[in-house]
Protein backbone atom coordinates (compact mmCIF):
# COMPACT_ATOMS: atom_id res chain seq x y z
CA MET A 1 0.00 -0.01 -0.01
CA ASN A 2 1.18 3.52 -0.69
CA THR A 3 1.07 5.63 2.49
CA GLU A 4 1.82 8.89 0.64
CA ARG A 5 -1.03 8.33 -1.75
CA ALA A 6 -3.38 7.40 1.11
CA ALA A 7 -2.45 10.59 2.94
CA SER A 8 -3.23 12.63 -0.19
CA LEU A 9 -6.63 11.01 -0.50
CA ARG A 10 -7.43 11.68 3.15
CA ALA A 11 -6.40 15.30 2.74
CA PHE A 12 -8.75 15.48 -0.22
CA GLY A 13 -11.60 14.51 2.12
CA LEU A 14 -12.07 10.81 1.41
CA ARG A 15 -13.27 9.11 4.58
CA HIS A 16 -12.48 5.45 4.14
CA VAL A 17 -8.80 5.37 3.13
CA TYR A 18 -6.52 2.85 4.79
CA ASP A 19 -2.76 2.24 4.78
CA LYS A 20 -2.93 -1.38 5.84
CA PRO A 21 -5.28 -4.20 4.83
CA GLU A 22 -5.96 -4.89 8.52
CA GLU A 23 -7.36 -1.36 8.98
CA LEU A 24 -9.56 -1.80 5.89
CA GLU A 25 -10.83 -5.17 7.19
CA ALA A 26 -11.68 -3.80 10.63
CA ALA A 27 -13.54 -0.83 9.20
CA LEU A 28 -15.34 -2.99 6.66
CA ALA A 29 -16.53 -5.33 9.41
CA GLU A 30 -17.86 -2.35 11.38
CA VAL A 31 -19.55 -0.61 8.47
CA THR A 32 -21.20 -3.77 7.16
CA GLU A 33 -22.04 -5.19 10.59
CA GLY A 34 -19.80 -8.14 9.85
CA HIS A 35 -21.50 -9.14 6.58
CA GLY A 36 -18.85 -7.83 4.15
CA ALA A 37 -19.09 -5.64 1.09
CA ASP A 38 -21.53 -6.33 -1.73
CA SER A 39 -18.76 -5.77 -4.25
CA VAL A 40 -15.04 -5.03 -4.34
CA LEU A 41 -13.51 -3.16 -7.28
CA LEU A 42 -9.88 -4.11 -7.87
CA CYS A 43 -8.30 -1.15 -9.69
CA ALA A 44 -4.74 -2.45 -9.79
CA SER A 45 -2.28 -4.18 -12.10
CA GLY A 46 0.22 -7.00 -11.79
CA ASN A 47 -0.01 -10.34 -10.07
CA GLY A 48 -3.58 -10.55 -8.77
CA GLU A 49 -3.52 -13.81 -6.87
CA GLU A 50 -2.84 -12.42 -3.36
CA LEU A 51 -5.16 -9.41 -3.80
CA ILE A 52 -8.06 -11.43 -5.24
CA ASN A 53 -7.74 -14.11 -2.56
CA ARG A 54 -7.66 -11.46 0.16
CA SER A 55 -10.74 -9.80 -1.41
CA PHE A 56 -12.79 -12.95 -0.84
CA GLY A 57 -12.55 -12.08 2.84
CA TRP A 58 -13.93 -8.56 2.22
CA ILE A 59 -17.16 -9.58 0.43
CA ARG A 60 -20.37 -10.94 1.82
CA ASP A 61 -21.73 -14.35 0.90
CA ARG A 62 -22.53 -14.33 -2.86
CA GLY A 63 -20.64 -11.02 -3.23
CA LYS A 64 -18.75 -9.83 -6.30
CA ILE A 65 -15.14 -9.07 -7.05
CA VAL A 66 -14.80 -6.85 -10.09
CA ILE A 67 -11.41 -6.66 -11.79
CA VAL A 68 -11.07 -3.22 -13.33
CA GLY A 69 -7.28 -3.11 -13.72
CA ASP A 70 -4.89 -5.43 -15.51
CA LEU A 71 -4.54 -8.16 -12.89
CA THR A 72 -3.66 -11.77 -13.51
CA THR A 73 -6.66 -13.95 -12.62
CA GLU A 74 -5.11 -16.70 -10.57
CA PHE A 75 -7.14 -17.23 -7.39
CA SER A 76 -8.34 -19.85 -4.90
CA ARG A 77 -11.30 -21.81 -6.22
CA ALA A 78 -11.96 -22.97 -2.66
CA GLN A 79 -12.35 -19.41 -1.37
CA MET A 80 -14.54 -18.45 -4.33
CA PHE A 81 -16.66 -21.57 -3.83
CA GLY A 82 -16.92 -20.93 -0.08
CA LYS A 83 -18.56 -17.58 -0.70
CA GLU A 84 -20.30 -18.57 -3.93
CA ALA A 85 -18.65 -15.37 -5.14
CA GLN A 86 -18.64 -13.97 -8.64
CA VAL A 87 -15.37 -12.78 -10.15
CA LEU A 88 -16.04 -10.39 -12.99
CA ILE A 89 -13.89 -8.40 -15.39
CA SER A 90 -15.00 -4.88 -16.20
CA ARG A 91 -14.96 -3.89 -19.83
CA ALA A 92 -13.30 -0.58 -20.55
CA GLY A 93 -15.83 2.17 -21.05
CA GLY A 94 -18.91 0.13 -20.24
CA PRO A 95 -21.60 -1.38 -22.45
CA GLY A 96 -21.20 -0.34 -26.05
CA ARG A 97 -17.43 -0.57 -26.06
CA TYR A 98 -16.25 -2.81 -28.89
CA ASP A 99 -19.74 -2.93 -30.48
CA SER A 100 -19.30 -1.46 -33.95
CA ARG A 101 -23.00 -0.62 -34.25
CA TYR A 102 -22.79 1.40 -31.04
CA GLU A 103 -19.40 3.04 -31.68
CA ARG A 104 -19.38 3.56 -35.43
CA ASP A 105 -23.09 3.76 -36.28
CA ASN A 106 -24.12 5.67 -33.14
CA MET A 107 -26.88 3.19 -32.25
CA ASP A 108 -27.47 3.58 -28.52
CA TYR A 109 -28.93 0.83 -26.31
CA PRO A 110 -32.37 1.52 -24.86
CA ILE A 111 -32.09 2.83 -21.32
CA GLY A 112 -34.49 0.19 -20.08
CA TYR A 113 -31.96 -2.50 -21.08
CA VAL A 114 -28.69 -0.76 -20.35
CA ARG A 115 -28.76 2.14 -17.86
CA TRP A 116 -25.11 3.17 -18.12
CA THR A 117 -23.59 2.87 -21.60
CA GLU A 118 -20.15 4.19 -22.49
CA GLY A 119 -21.73 7.43 -23.81
CA ARG A 120 -23.96 7.95 -20.77
CA ASN A 121 -21.03 7.29 -18.46
CA ILE A 122 -18.84 9.89 -20.12
CA ARG A 123 -21.70 12.37 -20.33
CA GLU A 124 -22.36 12.07 -16.60
CA TYR A 125 -18.63 12.36 -15.85
CA ILE A 126 -18.34 15.58 -17.88
CA ARG A 127 -21.47 16.98 -16.20
CA SER A 128 -20.05 16.18 -12.77
CA LEU A 129 -16.76 17.89 -13.71
CA ALA A 130 -18.66 20.99 -14.94
CA GLU A 131 -20.67 21.13 -11.68
CA LYS A 132 -17.40 20.76 -9.73
CA ARG A 133 -18.75 17.60 -8.04
CA ILE A 134 -15.55 15.87 -9.16
CA GLN A 135 -12.24 17.67 -8.58
CA ILE A 136 -9.23 16.44 -10.51
CA ARG A 137 -6.72 19.25 -9.81
CA PRO A 138 -5.57 17.73 -6.50
CA LEU A 139 -4.81 14.48 -8.34
CA ILE A 140 -2.35 16.13 -10.76
CA SER A 141 1.17 15.37 -9.54
CA GLY A 142 3.03 16.89 -12.47
CA ILE A 143 2.67 18.78 -15.74
CA TYR A 144 5.29 18.15 -18.43
CA ARG A 145 5.94 19.37 -21.95
CA LEU A 146 5.76 16.55 -24.47
CA GLU A 147 9.52 16.69 -24.95
CA GLN A 148 9.84 15.78 -21.22
CA ALA A 149 7.92 12.51 -21.59
CA GLU A 150 10.94 10.40 -20.60
CA GLU A 151 11.43 12.48 -17.45
CA ALA A 152 7.67 12.26 -16.65
CA TYR A 153 7.65 8.50 -16.89
CA GLY A 154 10.88 8.27 -14.91
CA SER A 155 9.32 10.33 -12.12
CA ARG A 156 6.88 7.46 -11.53
CA ARG A 157 9.81 5.44 -10.19
CA THR A 158 11.24 8.23 -8.04
CA ARG A 159 7.86 9.57 -6.81
CA PRO A 160 5.71 6.54 -5.93
CA GLY A 161 2.94 8.79 -4.57
CA ALA A 162 2.39 10.43 -7.96
CA MET A 163 -1.27 10.30 -8.90
CA GLY A 164 -1.67 11.85 -12.30
CA THR A 165 0.58 13.30 -14.97
CA LEU A 166 -0.43 15.78 -17.66
CA PHE A 167 1.38 16.43 -20.91
CA GLN A 168 1.27 19.87 -22.51
CA TYR A 169 1.66 20.03 -26.25
């Protein structure tokens, strides 16, 4: 876990940010009265086995683990079976992504069938930005000219708490 990043998120006003899995697990037990979360979103990359297996302990019976990042999908069948859990992989952008009729021909899905399509997701996100309900400025760790791209990517190794990098060109 990244303590610098967690501190930044707390300073930004997020309430449930934890440096250690044990702290997360204690808070989760309290907030859910011991039942566990309905779903866990895993927004990470790399070897997923340890994280996915630990997540089985965070969800309620028949809960869901949703892999959003680029994690390997090795995990304990026994733990999954014990919770009758669902392990899902989120498609980038939401429903409509990779559907040529949706993307190329602009054929939207009826809202009664698909509430949040890729287009509706992005429209809501832009609206929330415009209304200042979502603030991204505190997440910007550095702004670089395009010619400084190598330096910008290198800073990810030297500044592990970096959240977001912008390129000016």
